[in-house]
Amino acid sequence: MTDSNNNIPDFGEGLRKIFLAGVGAIATTAEKGQELVNRLVERGELTVEQGKQLNSELAHKAGDKKDSLKERAAQASQTVQDAAAGLRNQAAQAIDDLNAKADASEADDAADEKAAADSDK
């Protein structure tokens, strides 16, 4: 679950699993709702036509919820990807800054050594 290039966690995979769990929950809810409608029709508490209409409404609402969940998951995934990219950029900048400081320190040390060597002559 990490990106092989830089060992940063792949949050997109986690979001995908959450999305799939949500879709599964919606599908299960729709199935249970349909079973309930069918039982009510069998008992005569609903007419067949009312049952068909109710099933259709349940399927439509489940589809709307799935689409909404899919959109939110995509937005969350993009936010996480943007945040990870920002962190990578900050880490790269920090490394560049540290390398520049180390190079400057080495240059100062070399200059000090040269100055000491020149003063000993």
Protein backbone atom coordinates (compact mmCIF):
# COMPACT_ATOMS: atom_id res chain seq x y z
CA MET A 1 0.00 0.00 0.00
CA THR A 2 2.93 2.32 -0.63
CA ASP A 3 4.19 4.05 -3.71
CA SER A 4 7.31 2.13 -4.74
CA ASN A 5 9.05 5.31 -5.93
CA ASN A 6 9.06 7.19 -2.66
CA ASN A 7 7.47 5.03 0.05
CA ILE A 8 4.59 7.45 0.67
CA PRO A 9 1.36 5.63 1.62
CA ASP A 10 -1.11 5.18 -1.23
CA PHE A 11 -4.21 6.76 0.28
CA GLY A 12 -6.11 6.23 -2.97
CA GLU A 13 -6.23 2.47 -2.33
CA GLY A 14 -7.77 3.05 1.10
CA LEU A 15 -10.33 5.44 -0.34
CA ARG A 16 -11.18 2.90 -3.04
CA LYS A 17 -11.86 0.27 -0.38
CA ILE A 18 -14.05 2.70 1.58
CA PHE A 19 -15.95 3.55 -1.60
CA LEU A 20 -16.51 -0.12 -2.40
CA ALA A 21 -17.74 -0.74 1.15
CA GLY A 22 -20.19 2.14 0.75
CA VAL A 23 -21.44 0.79 -2.57
CA GLY A 24 -21.85 -2.63 -0.96
CA ALA A 25 -23.83 -1.11 1.89
CA ILE A 26 -26.09 0.74 -0.54
CA ALA A 27 -26.63 -2.41 -2.60
CA THR A 28 -27.43 -4.42 0.53
CA THR A 29 -29.88 -1.75 1.68
CA ALA A 30 -31.59 -1.77 -1.71
CA GLU A 31 -31.83 -5.58 -1.65
CA LYS A 32 -33.30 -5.60 1.86
CA GLY A 33 -35.75 -2.86 0.87
CA GLN A 34 -36.84 -4.88 -2.13
CA GLU A 35 -37.29 -7.98 0.05
CA LEU A 36 -39.45 -5.95 2.44
CA VAL A 37 -41.60 -4.63 -0.40
CA ASN A 38 -42.00 -8.15 -1.79
CA ARG A 39 -43.10 -9.43 1.63
CA LEU A 40 -45.65 -6.63 1.98
CA VAL A 41 -47.03 -7.44 -1.49
CA GLU A 42 -47.25 -11.13 -0.55
CA ARG A 43 -49.18 -10.27 2.60
CA GLY A 44 -51.53 -8.08 0.63
CA GLU A 45 -50.52 -4.92 2.51
CA LEU A 46 -49.35 -3.39 -0.78
CA THR A 47 -50.66 -3.93 -4.26
CA VAL A 48 -48.30 -5.31 -6.88
CA GLU A 49 -48.33 -1.95 -8.65
CA GLN A 50 -47.45 -0.09 -5.42
CA GLY A 51 -44.67 -2.62 -4.81
CA LYS A 52 -43.21 -2.08 -8.28
CA GLN A 53 -43.34 1.68 -7.80
CA LEU A 54 -41.69 1.44 -4.38
CA ASN A 55 -38.98 -0.88 -5.73
CA SER A 56 -38.32 1.57 -8.55
CA GLU A 57 -38.02 4.47 -6.10
CA LEU A 58 -35.66 2.47 -3.87
CA ALA A 59 -33.46 1.57 -6.84
CA HIS A 60 -33.40 5.19 -8.00
CA LYS A 61 -32.46 6.48 -4.53
CA ALA A 62 -29.76 3.83 -4.16
CA GLY A 63 -28.32 4.85 -7.54
CA ASP A 64 -28.32 8.51 -6.52
CA LYS A 65 -26.55 7.68 -3.25
CA LYS A 66 -23.98 5.57 -5.11
CA ASP A 67 -23.26 8.41 -7.54
CA SER A 68 -22.97 10.90 -4.68
CA LEU A 69 -20.64 8.58 -2.77
CA LYS A 70 -18.54 8.02 -5.88
CA GLU A 71 -18.19 11.76 -6.42
CA ARG A 72 -17.21 12.40 -2.81
CA ALA A 73 -14.68 9.55 -2.90
CA ALA A 74 -13.13 11.03 -6.05
CA GLN A 75 -12.90 14.45 -4.41
CA ALA A 76 -11.36 12.98 -1.26
CA SER A 77 -8.88 10.98 -3.34
CA GLN A 78 -7.84 14.11 -5.23
CA THR A 79 -7.43 16.04 -1.97
CA VAL A 80 -5.22 13.30 -0.54
CA GLN A 81 -3.16 13.14 -3.75
CA ASP A 82 -2.70 16.92 -3.70
CA ALA A 83 -1.66 16.82 -0.04
CA ALA A 84 0.82 14.00 -0.70
CA ALA A 85 2.29 15.94 -3.64
CA GLY A 86 2.65 18.99 -1.41
CA LEU A 87 4.41 16.94 1.24
CA ARG A 88 6.76 15.46 -1.36
CA ASN A 89 7.57 18.96 -2.62
CA GLN A 90 8.22 20.22 0.92
CA ALA A 91 10.45 17.23 1.69
CA ALA A 92 12.41 17.73 -1.54
CA GLN A 93 12.84 21.44 -0.75
CA ALA A 94 14.01 20.64 2.78
CA ILE A 95 16.56 18.16 1.41
CA ASP A 96 17.77 20.71 -1.13
CA ASP A 97 18.12 23.33 1.64
CA LEU A 98 20.08 20.92 3.85
CA ASN A 99 22.36 19.97 0.95
CA ALA A 100 22.98 23.65 0.20
CA LYS A 101 23.83 24.32 3.86
CA ALA A 102 26.16 21.31 3.94
CA ASP A 103 27.89 22.47 0.75
CA ALA A 104 28.27 25.99 2.19
CA SER A 105 29.65 24.57 5.43
CA GLU A 106 32.17 22.45 3.52
CA ALA A 107 33.21 25.47 1.48
CA ASP A 108 33.67 27.52 4.66
CA ASP A 109 35.75 24.72 6.23
CA ALA A 110 37.91 24.48 3.11
CA ALA A 111 38.41 28.25 3.10
CA ASP A 112 39.34 28.20 6.80
CA GLU A 113 41.84 25.38 6.20
CA LYS A 114 43.38 27.27 3.27
CA ALA A 115 43.61 30.46 5.31
CA ALA A 116 45.29 28.55 8.16
CA ALA A 117 47.70 26.90 5.74
CA ASP A 118 48.53 30.27 4.13
CA SER A 119 49.15 31.89 7.53
CA ASP A 120 51.55 29.08 8.49
CA LYS A 121 53.76 29.86 5.44
